[in-house]
Amino acid sequence: MKFWSRVAVLAVVGVVVLAAVVLTNVLPIRSLMAEERRVDQAQEQLTAIQEENAKLQAEADFLSSDAGVEMVARRDFGLVKPGETAFVVVDPSDEGFTPEVPTTTIPETDQSRSWWQHIWDFLTGRDLTDG
């Protein structure tokens, strides 16, 4: 009887030590992995913003040139050079100006993922980030 009680105590101590190791090692690793994922996402956002900035700078450069000013004057204001004749084509079926309303997207729910994927996301810290 004494042998089995000693084995039971050792099993309980082993489980407590294993739980302590998991809590002290998995949770910090989980946070580190989540932070690495956030850094990667921020780097992707920075790259996209830099590309957009380059496009906008090129557009601003064009619009500040003589050709850009002329294009905007003709397109938006209907201006013509002296000696030119302006024509306006009117669509008889046009009922007036209808502004485009931006559509909002509803974020997808994460119910398509299985239980083990949720556990893996928890262990790797993926649930701490957006993506």
Protein backbone atom coordinates (compact mmCIF):
# COMPACT_ATOMS: atom_id res chain seq x y z
CA MET A 1 0.00 0.00 0.00
CA LYS A 2 2.85 2.35 0.80
CA PHE A 3 4.36 1.82 -2.65
CA TRP A 4 1.18 2.88 -4.45
CA SER A 5 0.76 5.99 -2.31
CA ARG A 6 4.35 6.95 -3.10
CA VAL A 7 3.66 6.44 -6.83
CA ALA A 8 0.51 8.56 -6.57
CA VAL A 9 2.41 11.38 -4.86
CA LEU A 10 5.15 11.22 -7.51
CA ALA A 11 2.50 11.29 -10.26
CA VAL A 12 0.85 14.36 -8.75
CA VAL A 13 4.21 16.11 -8.36
CA GLY A 14 5.08 15.17 -11.95
CA VAL A 15 1.81 16.63 -13.23
CA VAL A 16 2.37 19.85 -11.24
CA VAL A 17 5.94 20.17 -12.57
CA LEU A 18 4.74 19.51 -16.13
CA ALA A 19 1.99 22.12 -15.78
CA ALA A 20 4.53 24.64 -14.44
CA VAL A 21 6.87 23.98 -17.37
CA VAL A 22 4.03 24.39 -19.87
CA LEU A 23 2.81 27.63 -18.28
CA THR A 24 6.27 29.17 -18.05
CA ASN A 25 7.40 28.14 -21.53
CA VAL A 26 4.37 28.02 -23.81
CA LEU A 27 2.79 31.33 -22.86
CA PRO A 28 5.93 33.50 -23.43
CA ILE A 29 6.62 31.70 -26.72
CA ARG A 30 3.02 32.32 -27.67
CA SER A 31 3.42 36.05 -27.02
CA LEU A 32 6.69 36.18 -28.93
CA MET A 33 5.15 34.48 -31.95
CA ALA A 34 2.20 36.90 -31.84
CA GLU A 35 4.58 39.88 -31.71
CA GLU A 36 6.56 38.53 -34.67
CA ARG A 37 3.30 38.18 -36.61
CA ARG A 38 2.38 41.79 -35.73
CA VAL A 39 5.78 42.98 -36.94
CA ASP A 40 5.30 41.11 -40.22
CA GLN A 41 1.84 42.63 -40.66
CA ALA A 42 3.18 46.11 -39.92
CA GLN A 43 5.97 45.58 -42.48
CA GLU A 44 3.40 44.55 -45.10
CA GLN A 45 1.32 47.63 -44.29
CA LEU A 46 4.39 49.85 -44.54
CA THR A 47 5.24 48.41 -47.96
CA ALA A 48 1.68 48.95 -49.20
CA ILE A 49 1.65 52.52 -47.87
CA GLN A 50 5.00 53.28 -49.51
CA GLU A 51 3.73 51.96 -52.85
CA GLU A 52 0.56 54.05 -52.54
CA ASN A 53 2.66 57.08 -51.58
CA ALA A 54 4.82 56.62 -54.68
CA LYS A 55 1.71 56.46 -56.89
CA LEU A 56 0.24 59.56 -55.29
CA GLN A 57 3.53 61.43 -55.62
CA ALA A 58 3.69 60.56 -59.33
CA GLU A 59 0.10 61.76 -59.75
CA ALA A 60 0.87 64.98 -57.86
CA ASP A 61 3.92 65.57 -60.04
CA PHE A 62 1.84 65.09 -63.19
CA LEU A 63 -0.97 67.34 -61.98
CA SER A 64 1.50 70.11 -61.16
CA SER A 65 2.86 70.03 -64.73
CA ASP A 66 1.37 72.03 -67.61
CA ALA A 67 -0.09 68.89 -69.20
CA GLY A 68 -1.79 67.91 -65.93
CA VAL A 69 -3.28 71.36 -65.42
CA GLU A 70 -4.59 71.36 -68.99
CA MET A 71 -6.09 67.89 -68.57
CA VAL A 72 -7.93 68.88 -65.37
CA ALA A 73 -9.15 72.15 -66.92
CA ARG A 74 -10.56 70.33 -69.94
CA ARG A 75 -12.00 67.33 -68.09
CA ASP A 76 -13.40 68.90 -64.94
CA PHE A 77 -14.20 72.45 -66.00
CA GLY A 78 -14.91 72.07 -69.71
CA LEU A 79 -12.41 74.76 -70.62
CA VAL A 80 -11.09 75.02 -74.18
CA LYS A 81 -8.29 76.96 -75.77
CA PRO A 82 -9.10 80.04 -77.83
CA GLY A 83 -10.29 79.01 -81.27
CA GLU A 84 -11.49 75.55 -80.15
CA THR A 85 -15.16 74.57 -80.00
CA ALA A 86 -16.51 72.63 -77.02
CA PHE A 87 -19.23 70.01 -77.47
CA VAL A 88 -21.29 68.51 -74.65
CA VAL A 89 -22.96 65.15 -75.22
CA VAL A 90 -26.06 64.64 -73.07
CA ASP A 91 -27.50 61.21 -72.46
CA PRO A 92 -31.32 61.49 -72.65
CA SER A 93 -31.79 58.51 -70.33
CA ASP A 94 -29.57 60.04 -67.64
CA GLU A 95 -31.69 60.90 -64.62
CA GLY A 96 -29.09 63.00 -62.89
CA PHE A 97 -26.19 62.49 -60.61
CA THR A 98 -26.24 59.40 -58.42
CA PRO A 99 -23.31 59.25 -56.04
CA GLU A 100 -21.58 55.97 -55.42
CA VAL A 101 -22.21 54.74 -51.91
CA PRO A 102 -19.28 52.84 -50.45
CA THR A 103 -20.16 49.34 -49.38
CA THR A 104 -19.08 47.97 -46.05
CA THR A 105 -17.78 44.47 -45.73
CA ILE A 106 -18.83 42.28 -42.88
CA PRO A 107 -15.85 40.43 -41.40
CA GLU A 108 -15.98 36.69 -41.81
CA THR A 109 -16.72 34.64 -38.77
CA ASP A 110 -14.13 32.13 -37.74
CA GLN A 111 -16.62 29.27 -37.38
CA SER A 112 -15.25 27.39 -40.39
CA ARG A 113 -12.12 26.44 -38.44
CA SER A 114 -12.05 23.19 -36.52
CA TRP A 115 -11.39 22.84 -32.80
CA TRP A 116 -7.80 21.72 -33.24
CA GLN A 117 -7.04 24.79 -35.39
CA HIS A 118 -8.31 27.00 -32.56
CA ILE A 119 -6.03 25.15 -30.13
CA TRP A 120 -3.08 25.52 -32.50
CA ASP A 121 -3.84 29.23 -32.87
CA PHE A 122 -3.84 29.54 -29.09
CA LEU A 123 -0.53 27.72 -28.68
CA THR A 124 1.20 29.72 -31.42
CA GLY A 125 -0.30 33.08 -30.38
CA ARG A 126 -2.18 33.53 -33.63
CA ASP A 127 -5.34 34.35 -31.69
CA LEU A 128 -3.60 37.43 -30.28
CA THR A 129 -3.25 39.00 -33.74
CA ASP A 130 -5.68 39.92 -36.47
CA GLY A 131 -4.33 37.60 -39.13
